[in-house]
C-alpha atoms as a PDB file:
ATOM      1  CA  MET A   1      50.414  18.460  36.912  1.00  0.00           C
ATOM      2  CA  GLY A   2      49.733  16.934  39.793  1.00  0.00           C
ATOM      3  CA  VAL A   3      46.877  15.895  42.053  1.00  0.00           C
ATOM      4  CA  CYS A   4      46.765  15.375  45.723  1.00  0.00           C
ATOM      5  CA  ALA A   5      44.494  13.943  48.325  1.00  0.00           C
ATOM      6  CA  ILE A   6      43.514  16.103  51.813  1.00  0.00           C
ATOM      7  CA  LYS A   7      42.881  14.262  55.007  1.00  0.00           C
ATOM      8  CA  GLY A   8      39.848  16.003  56.044  1.00  0.00           C
ATOM      9  CA  ASN A   9      36.343  16.996  54.515  1.00  0.00           C
ATOM     10  CA  PHE A  10      35.660  20.012  51.862  1.00  0.00           C
ATOM     11  CA  ASP A  11      35.984  23.057  54.395  1.00  0.00           C
ATOM     12  CA  ASP A  12      39.225  21.826  55.583  1.00  0.00           C
ATOM     13  CA  ALA A  13      40.740  21.678  52.193  1.00  0.00           C
ATOM     14  CA  GLN A  14      38.673  25.063  51.398  1.00  0.00           C
ATOM     15  CA  THR A  15      40.797  26.633  54.311  1.00  0.00           C
ATOM     16  CA  GLY A  16      43.762  25.676  53.169  1.00  0.00           C
ATOM     17  CA  VAL A  17      44.244  26.426  50.262  1.00  0.00           C
ATOM     18  CA  LYS A  18      43.113  30.202  51.195  1.00  0.00           C
ATOM     19  CA  LYS A  19      45.382  30.252  53.961  1.00  0.00           C
ATOM     20  CA  ILE A  20      48.319  29.815  51.656  1.00  0.00           C
ATOM     21  CA  PHE A  21      46.772  31.697  48.419  1.00  0.00           C
ATOM     22  CA  THR A  22      47.011  34.963  51.448  1.00  0.00           C
ATOM     23  CA  ASP A  23      50.351  33.912  52.535  1.00  0.00           C
ATOM     24  CA  GLY A  24      52.817  36.888  51.687  1.00  0.00           C
ATOM     25  CA  GLY A  25      55.508  34.418  51.986  1.00  0.00           C
ATOM     26  CA  VAL A  26      54.425  31.800  50.153  1.00  0.00           C
ATOM     27  CA  ASN A  27      53.402  33.897  46.973  1.00  0.00           C
ATOM     28  CA  LYS A  28      56.710  35.914  46.440  1.00  0.00           C
ATOM     29  CA  THR A  29      58.253  32.140  46.744  1.00  0.00           C
ATOM     30  CA  LEU A  30      56.349  31.179  43.280  1.00  0.00           C
ATOM     31  CA  ALA A  31      56.454  34.906  42.370  1.00  0.00           C
ATOM     32  CA  ASP A  32      60.317  34.535  42.551  1.00  0.00           C
ATOM     33  CA  ARG A  33      60.080  31.114  40.613  1.00  0.00           C
ATOM     34  CA  GLY A  34      57.512  32.717  37.960  1.00  0.00           C
ATOM     35  CA  PHE A  35      54.410  31.048  39.434  1.00  0.00           C
ATOM     36  CA  ALA A  36      50.887  32.546  40.954  1.00  0.00           C
ATOM     37  CA  PHE A  37      48.208  31.170  42.395  1.00  0.00           C
ATOM     38  CA  SER A  38      44.443  30.573  40.893  1.00  0.00           C
ATOM     39  CA  SER A  39      41.894  28.210  41.745  1.00  0.00           C
ATOM     40  CA  ALA A  40      39.469  26.233  40.024  1.00  0.00           C
ATOM     41  CA  ASN A  41      36.620  26.191  42.145  1.00  0.00           C
ATOM     42  CA  SER A  42      34.156  29.376  42.976  1.00  0.00           C
ATOM     43  CA  ILE A  43      36.908  30.937  45.444  1.00  0.00           C
ATOM     44  CA  ASN A  44      38.175  32.470  41.835  1.00  0.00           C
ATOM     45  CA  TRP A  45      36.009  34.971  40.258  1.00  0.00           C
ATOM     46  CA  GLY A  46      36.193  33.245  36.621  1.00  0.00           C
ATOM     47  CA  ARG A  47      34.493  30.523  38.171  1.00  0.00           C
ATOM     48  CA  LEU A  48      31.220  32.382  38.737  1.00  0.00           C
ATOM     49  CA  ALA A  49      31.367  34.104  35.805  1.00  0.00           C
ATOM     50  CA  PRO A  50      29.981  31.844  33.112  1.00  0.00           C
ATOM     51  CA  GLN A  51      27.986  30.690  35.064  1.00  0.00           C
ATOM     52  CA  ILE A  52      26.060  33.299  34.999  1.00  0.00           C
ATOM     53  CA  VAL A  53      25.249  33.007  31.298  1.00  0.00           C
ATOM     54  CA  TYR A  54      23.752  29.518  32.320  1.00  0.00           C
ATOM     55  CA  TYR A  55      20.619  32.312  33.871  1.00  0.00           C
ATOM     56  CA  PHE A  56      20.331  34.034  31.054  1.00  0.00           C
ATOM     57  CA  SER A  57      20.508  30.798  28.581  1.00  0.00           C
ATOM     58  CA  ALA A  58      17.789  28.849  30.329  1.00  0.00           C
ATOM     59  CA  TYR A  59      15.594  31.799  30.259  1.00  0.00           C
ATOM     60  CA  ALA A  60      15.731  32.425  26.730  1.00  0.00           C
ATOM     61  CA  ASP A  61      14.908  28.519  27.115  1.00  0.00           C
ATOM     62  CA  MET A  62      12.151  28.921  28.482  1.00  0.00           C
ATOM     63  CA  VAL A  63      10.825  32.128  26.327  1.00  0.00           C
ATOM     64  CA  ASN A  64      11.558  30.025  22.894  1.00  0.00           C
ATOM     65  CA  ALA A  65       9.802  27.288  24.282  1.00  0.00           C
ATOM     66  CA  GLY A  66       6.676  29.368  25.378  1.00  0.00           C
ATOM     67  CA  LYS A  67       6.934  28.212  28.958  1.00  0.00           C
ATOM     68  CA  VAL A  68       7.274  32.045  30.109  1.00  0.00           C
ATOM     69  CA  LYS A  69       6.429  34.815  28.306  1.00  0.00           C
ATOM     70  CA  LEU A  70       9.506  37.759  27.784  1.00  0.00           C
ATOM     71  CA  GLY A  71       9.567  40.077  31.135  1.00  0.00           C
ATOM     72  CA  GLU A  72       7.745  37.288  33.329  1.00  0.00           C
ATOM     73  CA  LYS A  73       9.514  36.082  36.590  1.00  0.00           C
ATOM     74  CA  ILE A  74      11.134  32.780  37.144  1.00  0.00           C
ATOM     75  CA  ASN A  75      11.958  30.985  40.300  1.00  0.00           C
ATOM     76  CA  ILE A  76      15.529  29.369  40.370  1.00  0.00           C
ATOM     77  CA  THR A  77      16.354  26.631  42.315  1.00  0.00           C
ATOM     78  CA  VAL A  78      20.270  25.672  42.747  1.00  0.00           C
ATOM     79  CA  PRO A  79      21.573  22.453  45.412  1.00  0.00           C
ATOM     80  CA  THR A  80      24.715  24.660  46.855  1.00  0.00           C
ATOM     81  CA  GLY A  81      27.133  24.644  49.571  1.00  0.00           C
ATOM     82  CA  ASN A  82      30.209  26.727  48.642  1.00  0.00           C
ATOM     83  CA  PHE A  83      26.998  29.046  47.440  1.00  0.00           C
ATOM     84  CA  GLY A  84      28.658  30.009  44.394  1.00  0.00           C
ATOM     85  CA  ASN A  85      26.201  28.367  41.432  1.00  0.00           C
ATOM     86  CA  ILE A  86      23.486  30.319  43.349  1.00  0.00           C
ATOM     87  CA  LEU A  87      25.206  33.583  43.680  1.00  0.00           C
ATOM     88  CA  ALA A  88      26.077  33.637  39.903  1.00  0.00           C
ATOM     89  CA  ALA A  89      22.274  33.442  39.722  1.00  0.00           C
ATOM     90  CA  TYR A  90      22.054  36.419  42.351  1.00  0.00           C
ATOM     91  CA  TYR A  91      24.491  38.706  39.826  1.00  0.00           C
ATOM     92  CA  ALA A  92      22.178  37.358  36.698  1.00  0.00           C
ATOM     93  CA  LYS A  93      19.358  38.982  39.158  1.00  0.00           C
ATOM     94  CA  ARG A  94      21.099  42.176  39.664  1.00  0.00           C
ATOM     95  CA  MET A  95      22.078  42.308  35.653  1.00  0.00           C
ATOM     96  CA  GLY A  96      17.695  42.398  34.804  1.00  0.00           C
ATOM     97  CA  LEU A  97      17.232  38.564  34.554  1.00  0.00           C
ATOM     98  CA  PRO A  98      13.623  38.736  35.881  1.00  0.00           C
ATOM     99  CA  VAL A  99      13.952  36.715  39.083  1.00  0.00           C
ATOM    100  CA  ASN A 100      11.170  36.084  41.623  1.00  0.00           C
ATOM    101  CA  LYS A 101      12.940  33.850  44.138  1.00  0.00           C
ATOM    102  CA  LEU A 102      16.290  31.926  43.783  1.00  0.00           C
ATOM    103  CA  ILE A 103      15.521  28.686  46.584  1.00  0.00           C
ATOM    104  CA  CYS A 104      18.739  27.932  48.207  1.00  0.00           C
ATOM    105  CA  ALA A 105      18.446  23.812  48.472  1.00  0.00           C
ATOM    106  CA  SER A 106      20.903  22.026  50.968  1.00  0.00           C
ATOM    107  CA  ASN A 107      21.336  18.752  52.528  1.00  0.00           C
ATOM    108  CA  ALA A 108      21.468  17.790  55.990  1.00  0.00           C
ATOM    109  CA  ASN A 109      24.514  19.748  56.205  1.00  0.00           C
ATOM    110  CA  ASN A 110      22.068  22.844  56.302  1.00  0.00           C
ATOM    111  CA  VAL A 111      23.759  26.070  57.034  1.00  0.00           C
ATOM    112  CA  LEU A 112      22.495  28.414  54.514  1.00  0.00           C
ATOM    113  CA  THR A 113      18.864  26.818  55.095  1.00  0.00           C
ATOM    114  CA  ASP A 114      19.070  28.244  58.447  1.00  0.00           C
ATOM    115  CA  PHE A 115      21.012  31.565  57.716  1.00  0.00           C
ATOM    116  CA  ILE A 116      18.919  32.753  55.061  1.00  0.00           C
ATOM    117  CA  ASN A 117      15.687  32.036  57.048  1.00  0.00           C
ATOM    118  CA  THR A 118      17.072  33.461  60.585  1.00  0.00           C
ATOM    119  CA  GLY A 119      20.357  35.645  59.596  1.00  0.00           C
ATOM    120  CA  VAL A 120      22.405  33.618  61.668  1.00  0.00           C
ATOM    121  CA  TYR A 121      24.991  32.029  60.551  1.00  0.00           C
ATOM    122  CA  ASP A 122      26.199  29.383  62.929  1.00  0.00           C
ATOM    123  CA  ARG A 123      28.890  26.629  61.988  1.00  0.00           C
ATOM    124  CA  ASN A 124      28.994  24.998  65.587  1.00  0.00           C
ATOM    125  CA  ARG A 125      26.695  21.754  64.340  1.00  0.00           C
ATOM    126  CA  HIS A 126      27.121  18.234  63.491  1.00  0.00           C
ATOM    127  CA  PHE A 127      28.679  17.956  60.276  1.00  0.00           C
ATOM    128  CA  TYR A 128      27.488  15.057  57.998  1.00  0.00           C
ATOM    129  CA  THR A 129      28.968  12.602  55.285  1.00  0.00           C
ATOM    130  CA  THR A 130      25.962  12.692  52.391  1.00  0.00           C
ATOM    131  CA  ILE A 131      25.320  10.799  49.033  1.00  0.00           C
ATOM    132  CA  SER A 132      25.066  15.018  47.962  1.00  0.00           C
ATOM    133  CA  PRO A 133      29.086  15.394  49.000  1.00  0.00           C
ATOM    134  CA  SER A 134      29.925  18.399  46.852  1.00  0.00           C
ATOM    135  CA  MET A 135      27.392  20.393  49.390  1.00  0.00           C
ATOM    136  CA  ASP A 136      28.957  19.012  52.495  1.00  0.00           C
ATOM    137  CA  ILE A 137      29.943  22.102  53.675  1.00  0.00           C
ATOM    138  CA  LEU A 138      29.758  24.443  56.710  1.00  0.00           C
ATOM    139  CA  ILE A 139      31.965  27.388  55.908  1.00  0.00           C
ATOM    140  CA  SER A 140      30.375  28.905  52.786  1.00  0.00           C
ATOM    141  CA  SER A 141      32.926  31.120  50.813  1.00  0.00           C
ATOM    142  CA  ASN A 142      30.254  32.816  48.747  1.00  0.00           C
ATOM    143  CA  LEU A 143      28.834  34.210  51.046  1.00  0.00           C
ATOM    144  CA  GLU A 144      30.804  36.788  52.010  1.00  0.00           C
ATOM    145  CA  ARG A 145      30.332  37.944  48.626  1.00  0.00           C
ATOM    146  CA  LEU A 146      26.689  38.325  49.261  1.00  0.00           C
ATOM    147  CA  LEU A 147      26.484  40.193  52.336  1.00  0.00           C
ATOM    148  CA  TYR A 148      29.250  42.716  50.746  1.00  0.00           C
ATOM    149  CA  MET A 149      26.753  43.352  47.867  1.00  0.00           C
ATOM    150  CA  LEU A 150      23.768  43.913  50.418  1.00  0.00           C
ATOM    151  CA  SER A 151      25.800  45.637  52.425  1.00  0.00           C
ATOM    152  CA  ASP A 152      26.711  48.188  49.988  1.00  0.00           C
ATOM    153  CA  GLY A 153      29.637  47.669  49.375  1.00  0.00           C
ATOM    154  CA  ASP A 154      30.724  47.943  53.380  1.00  0.00           C
ATOM    155  CA  ASP A 155      33.855  46.136  53.736  1.00  0.00           C
ATOM    156  CA  ALA A 156      34.408  46.570  57.467  1.00  0.00           C
ATOM    157  CA  TYR A 157      30.985  45.765  57.842  1.00  0.00           C
ATOM    158  CA  VAL A 158      31.888  42.080  56.115  1.00  0.00           C
ATOM    159  CA  ARG A 159      35.563  41.813  57.661  1.00  0.00           C
ATOM    160  CA  SER A 160      33.799  41.795  61.299  1.00  0.00           C
ATOM    161  CA  LEU A 161      31.003  39.090  60.838  1.00  0.00           C
ATOM    162  CA  PHE A 162      33.788  36.866  59.081  1.00  0.00           C
ATOM    163  CA  ALA A 163      36.370  37.534  61.987  1.00  0.00           C
ATOM    164  CA  ARG A 164      33.198  36.519  64.418  1.00  0.00           C
ATOM    165  CA  LEU A 165      33.058  33.896  62.154  1.00  0.00           C
ATOM    166  CA  ALA A 166      36.484  32.687  62.586  1.00  0.00           C
ATOM    167  CA  GLN A 167      36.698  33.394  66.673  1.00  0.00           C
ATOM    168  CA  ASP A 168      33.331  31.891  67.525  1.00  0.00           C
ATOM    169  CA  GLY A 169      31.876  29.912  64.632  1.00  0.00           C
ATOM    170  CA  ARG A 170      28.892  32.119  64.578  1.00  0.00           C
ATOM    171  CA  TYR A 171      27.903  35.842  63.225  1.00  0.00           C
ATOM    172  CA  ASP A 172      24.281  37.508  63.311  1.00  0.00           C
ATOM    173  CA  ALA A 173      24.187  39.650  59.680  1.00  0.00           C
ATOM    174  CA  GLY A 174      21.596  41.994  61.444  1.00  0.00           C
ATOM    175  CA  GLU A 175      18.002  42.800  60.772  1.00  0.00           C
ATOM    176  CA  ARG A 176      18.376  44.880  57.946  1.00  0.00           C
ATOM    177  CA  VAL A 177      20.853  42.805  55.074  1.00  0.00           C
ATOM    178  CA  ALA A 178      18.886  39.423  57.045  1.00  0.00           C
ATOM    179  CA  THR A 179      15.468  41.395  55.187  1.00  0.00           C
ATOM    180  CA  LEU A 180      17.212  41.862  52.510  1.00  0.00           C
ATOM    181  CA  VAL A 181      18.814  38.196  51.592  1.00  0.00           C
ATOM    182  CA  ARG A 182      14.843  36.757  52.717  1.00  0.00           C
ATOM    183  CA  GLU A 183      13.472  39.509  49.488  1.00  0.00           C
ATOM    184  CA  SER A 184      15.787  37.456  47.165  1.00  0.00           C
ATOM    185  CA  PHE A 185      16.550  33.920  48.720  1.00  0.00           C
ATOM    186  CA  ALA A 186      14.273  30.766  50.067  1.00  0.00           C
ATOM    187  CA  ALA A 187      15.612  27.833  50.849  1.00  0.00           C
ATOM    188  CA  GLY A 188      15.380  24.183  52.273  1.00  0.00           C
ATOM    189  CA  PHE A 189      16.926  21.033  52.963  1.00  0.00           C
ATOM    190  CA  CYS A 190      16.523  17.500  53.301  1.00  0.00           C
ATOM    191  CA  SER A 191      17.535  14.430  54.477  1.00  0.00           C
ATOM    192  CA  ASP A 192      19.759  11.478  52.023  1.00  0.00           C
ATOM    193  CA  GLU A 193      16.783   9.364  52.687  1.00  0.00           C
ATOM    194  CA  GLU A 194      14.648  12.081  50.979  1.00  0.00           C
ATOM    195  CA  THR A 195      17.051  13.066  48.105  1.00  0.00           C
ATOM    196  CA  LYS A 196      17.006   8.999  47.169  1.00  0.00           C
ATOM    197  CA  LYS A 197      12.952   8.596  47.191  1.00  0.00           C
ATOM    198  CA  THR A 198      13.204  12.246  44.717  1.00  0.00           C
ATOM    199  CA  ILE A 199      15.536  10.525  41.966  1.00  0.00           C
ATOM    200  CA  GLY A 200      13.532   7.098  42.369  1.00  0.00           C
ATOM    201  CA  SER A 201       9.961   9.118  42.152  1.00  0.00           C
ATOM    202  CA  LEU A 202      11.401  11.411  39.264  1.00  0.00           C
ATOM    203  CA  PHE A 203      12.833   8.354  37.135  1.00  0.00           C
ATOM    204  CA  ALA A 204       9.498   6.327  37.979  1.00  0.00           C
ATOM    205  CA  ALA A 205       7.816   9.045  36.729  1.00  0.00           C
ATOM    206  CA  ASP A 206       9.464  10.760  34.025  1.00  0.00           C
ATOM    207  CA  GLY A 207      12.164   8.470  32.825  1.00  0.00           C
ATOM    208  CA  TYR A 208      14.531  11.716  34.018  1.00  0.00           C
ATOM    209  CA  LEU A 209      17.805  10.119  36.079  1.00  0.00           C
ATOM    210  CA  CYS A 210      19.113  12.639  38.248  1.00  0.00           C
ATOM    211  CA  ASP A 211      22.217  12.705  40.452  1.00  0.00           C
ATOM    212  CA  THR A 212      22.213  13.244  44.328  1.00  0.00           C
ATOM    213  CA  HIS A 213      22.487  17.291  44.082  1.00  0.00           C
ATOM    214  CA  THR A 214      19.942  17.541  41.761  1.00  0.00           C
ATOM    215  CA  GLY A 215      18.022  15.006  43.851  1.00  0.00           C
ATOM    216  CA  VAL A 216      18.426  17.614  46.691  1.00  0.00           C
ATOM    217  CA  ALA A 217      17.364  20.659  44.456  1.00  0.00           C
ATOM    218  CA  VAL A 218      13.765  18.826  43.029  1.00  0.00           C
ATOM    219  CA  ALA A 219      12.844  17.434  46.673  1.00  0.00           C
ATOM    220  CA  VAL A 220      13.356  21.274  48.523  1.00  0.00           C
ATOM    221  CA  TYR A 221      11.595  22.774  45.253  1.00  0.00           C
ATOM    222  CA  ASP A 222       8.605  20.790  45.769  1.00  0.00           C
ATOM    223  CA  GLY A 223       8.467  21.574  49.451  1.00  0.00           C
ATOM    224  CA  TYR A 224       8.943  25.182  48.940  1.00  0.00           C
ATOM    225  CA  VAL A 225       5.854  24.722  46.541  1.00  0.00           C
ATOM    226  CA  LYS A 226       3.584  22.883  49.232  1.00  0.00           C
ATOM    227  CA  ALA A 227       4.475  25.415  51.991  1.00  0.00           C
ATOM    228  CA  THR A 228       4.177  28.388  49.683  1.00  0.00           C
ATOM    229  CA  GLY A 229       1.776  27.739  47.359  1.00  0.00           C
ATOM    230  CA  ASP A 230       3.861  30.024  44.636  1.00  0.00           C
ATOM    231  CA  GLY A 231       3.170  28.762  41.380  1.00  0.00           C
ATOM    232  CA  THR A 232       6.121  30.960  39.612  1.00  0.00           C
ATOM    233  CA  PRO A 233       7.850  28.730  36.623  1.00  0.00           C
ATOM    234  CA  ASN A 234      11.146  27.333  37.802  1.00  0.00           C
ATOM    235  CA  VAL A 235      14.307  26.544  36.572  1.00  0.00           C
ATOM    236  CA  ILE A 236      16.072  23.448  38.770  1.00  0.00           C
ATOM    237  CA  ALA A 237      20.245  24.090  38.084  1.00  0.00           C
ATOM    238  CA  SER A 238      21.734  20.197  37.476  1.00  0.00           C
ATOM    239  CA  THR A 239      24.918  19.839  38.574  1.00  0.00           C
ATOM    240  CA  ALA A 240      26.410  15.969  37.916  1.00  0.00           C
ATOM    241  CA  SER A 241      25.797  12.695  35.879  1.00  0.00           C
ATOM    242  CA  PRO A 242      24.169  10.677  37.908  1.00  0.00           C
ATOM    243  CA  TYR A 243      26.986   8.197  37.374  1.00  0.00           C
ATOM    244  CA  LYS A 244      29.613  10.315  39.414  1.00  0.00           C
ATOM    245  CA  PHE A 245      27.226   8.784  42.035  1.00  0.00           C
ATOM    246  CA  SER A 246      26.354   5.304  40.840  1.00  0.00           C
ATOM    247  CA  ALA A 247      26.020   3.452  43.980  1.00  0.00           C
ATOM    248  CA  ALA A 248      23.464   6.058  45.628  1.00  0.00           C
ATOM    249  CA  VAL A 249      21.405   6.363  42.255  1.00  0.00           C
ATOM    250  CA  LEU A 250      21.705   2.683  41.622  1.00  0.00           C
ATOM    251  CA  GLU A 251      19.820   2.002  45.431  1.00  0.00           C
ATOM    252  CA  ALA A 252      17.692   5.000  44.732  1.00  0.00           C
ATOM    253  CA  VAL A 253      16.175   3.908  41.317  1.00  0.00           C
ATOM    254  CA  SER A 254      16.140  -0.271  42.375  1.00  0.00           C
ATOM    255  CA  GLY A 255      15.440   0.013  45.940  1.00  0.00           C
ATOM    256  CA  ARG A 256      18.214  -2.307  46.985  1.00  0.00           C
ATOM    257  CA  LYS A 257      21.851  -1.483  48.587  1.00  0.00           C
ATOM    258  CA  ARG A 258      24.937  -2.769  47.216  1.00  0.00           C
ATOM    259  CA  GLU A 259      27.054  -4.561  49.424  1.00  0.00           C
ATOM    260  CA  ASP A 260      30.055  -4.198  48.007  1.00  0.00           C
ATOM    261  CA  ALA A 261      32.335  -0.855  47.288  1.00  0.00           C
ATOM    262  CA  ASP A 262      32.904  -1.293  43.512  1.00  0.00           C
ATOM    263  CA  GLU A 263      31.658   2.051  41.870  1.00  0.00           C
ATOM    264  CA  PHE A 264      32.695   0.166  38.360  1.00  0.00           C
ATOM    265  CA  ALA A 265      30.160  -2.645  38.975  1.00  0.00           C
ATOM    266  CA  ALA A 266      27.458  -0.363  40.513  1.00  0.00           C
ATOM    267  CA  VAL A 267      27.828   2.170  36.756  1.00  0.00           C
ATOM    268  CA  ASP A 268      27.409  -1.323  35.120  1.00  0.00           C
ATOM    269  CA  GLU A 269      24.149  -2.563  36.814  1.00  0.00           C
ATOM    270  CA  LEU A 270      22.778   1.587  36.571  1.00  0.00           C
ATOM    271  CA  MET A 271      23.042   1.394  33.382  1.00  0.00           C
ATOM    272  CA  ARG A 272      21.256  -2.233  33.066  1.00  0.00           C
ATOM    273  CA  VAL A 273      18.430  -1.197  35.472  1.00  0.00           C
ATOM    274  CA  THR A 274      17.489   2.289  33.838  1.00  0.00           C
ATOM    275  CA  GLY A 275      18.670   1.680  30.165  1.00  0.00           C
ATOM    276  CA  ILE A 276      20.546   5.203  30.313  1.00  0.00           C
ATOM    277  CA  ASP A 277      24.408   4.721  29.108  1.00  0.00           C
ATOM    278  CA  ALA A 278      26.983   5.857  31.322  1.00  0.00           C
ATOM    279  CA  PRO A 279      29.652   8.927  30.141  1.00  0.00           C
ATOM    280  CA  GLU A 280      32.404   7.532  27.864  1.00  0.00           C
ATOM    281  CA  GLN A 281      34.820   8.995  30.157  1.00  0.00           C
ATOM    282  CA  LEU A 282      33.766   7.168  32.842  1.00  0.00           C
ATOM    283  CA  LYS A 283      33.317   3.553  31.114  1.00  0.00           C
ATOM    284  CA  THR A 284      36.659   3.838  30.165  1.00  0.00           C
ATOM    285  CA  LEU A 285      38.684   4.385  33.306  1.00  0.00           C
ATOM    286  CA  ARG A 286      38.236   0.545  34.672  1.00  0.00           C
ATOM    287  CA  GLY A 287      41.649  -1.111  34.523  1.00  0.00           C
ATOM    288  CA  LYS A 288      43.563   2.022  34.130  1.00  0.00           C
ATOM    289  CA  THR A 289      46.829   2.583  36.826  1.00  0.00           C
ATOM    290  CA  PRO A 290      45.947   5.451  38.704  1.00  0.00           C
ATOM    291  CA  ARG A 291      48.153   8.557  37.891  1.00  0.00           C
ATOM    292  CA  PHE A 292      48.202  10.425  41.245  1.00  0.00           C
ATOM    293  CA  THR A 293      48.192   8.613  44.661  1.00  0.00           C
ATOM    294  CA  ASP A 294      49.511  11.307  47.239  1.00  0.00           C
ATOM    295  CA  VAL A 295      47.740  12.295  50.554  1.00  0.00           C
ATOM    296  CA  CYS A 296      48.393  15.423  52.537  1.00  0.00           C
ATOM    297  CA  THR A 297      46.832  17.123  55.606  1.00  0.00           C
ATOM    298  CA  GLN A 298      45.693  20.725  55.890  1.00  0.00           C
ATOM    299  CA  GLY A 299      49.202  21.441  57.345  1.00  0.00           C
ATOM    300  CA  GLU A 300      51.004  19.574  54.721  1.00  0.00           C
ATOM    301  CA  MET A 301      49.391  21.770  51.620  1.00  0.00           C
ATOM    302  CA  GLU A 302      52.244  24.488  51.282  1.00  0.00           C
ATOM    303  CA  ALA A 303      54.953  21.888  51.411  1.00  0.00           C
ATOM    304  CA  GLN A 304      53.125  19.757  48.709  1.00  0.00           C
ATOM    305  CA  VAL A 305      52.617  22.659  46.038  1.00  0.00           C
ATOM    306  CA  TYR A 306      56.552  23.086  46.385  1.00  0.00           C
ATOM    307  CA  LYS A 307      56.893  19.482  46.560  1.00  0.00           C
ATOM    308  CA  MET A 308      54.802  19.458  42.700  1.00  0.00           C
ATOM    309  CA  LEU A 309      56.457  22.352  41.272  1.00  0.00           C
ATOM    310  CA  GLY A 310      59.947  21.195  42.224  1.00  0.00           C
ATOM    311  CA  ILE A 311      60.504  24.128  44.630  1.00  0.00           C
END
């Protein structure tokens, strides 16, 4: 097993991974030695398949709790940057789950919001580093799968769009597909300040402590309801422990920003302020020696793979 950090952002890392995956020479080198590439993120269909089950399970829970009647439609709000989890919800809808709207929640990197609202995907914009880092993405891989579905499997159409994205940094999906997108999806985004305000308000009102990505989803959903008046019962996908982002969540619930960067101290203080215990796996990390310290650039990723495998 090996772990290596990449100098850059999520898009840099994912672009580098895709380049290696599609390099025939690299794949032959690995195959000759009994290795094959796979991915644990939503590039891999194997990541999406179990996520589909989440939404059927959530719907069954709502029916059993008397929140909806069997067959009644729900909305689903998902914080997303790579469009994987919300695509799983769309597949659930295509499989028969009664869904009214899929609400795509973005942070300041709102390329998906603009696409859903306009049909134009344009990554030629400022990249923001936010407190919800899993959504700091401007190239959303799984949108390709959605476009393939909505175009009735027109692979030539999808290839042409992504060729334009590679060349110009933007594409226009066309009115037919854009209309189909808006039939199933709504979208919104919020700033870091709005996210922190939402986390603090939610904890103060309900005692529920959410992470920075779930905070985006709640803020966007609240904005969607205010704008549309849509009272359809809603599921919000909560995606992580708040203790993965202790400093930002602590600031949200206490109103005080830590002056130091000691994450373990932030975990301790967040537990003290909220009375909510941190996951044992995080609490027991303190004082342990890091096992992996390698760092490489995007251009060095292929060589790093060979190094890890001893090739």
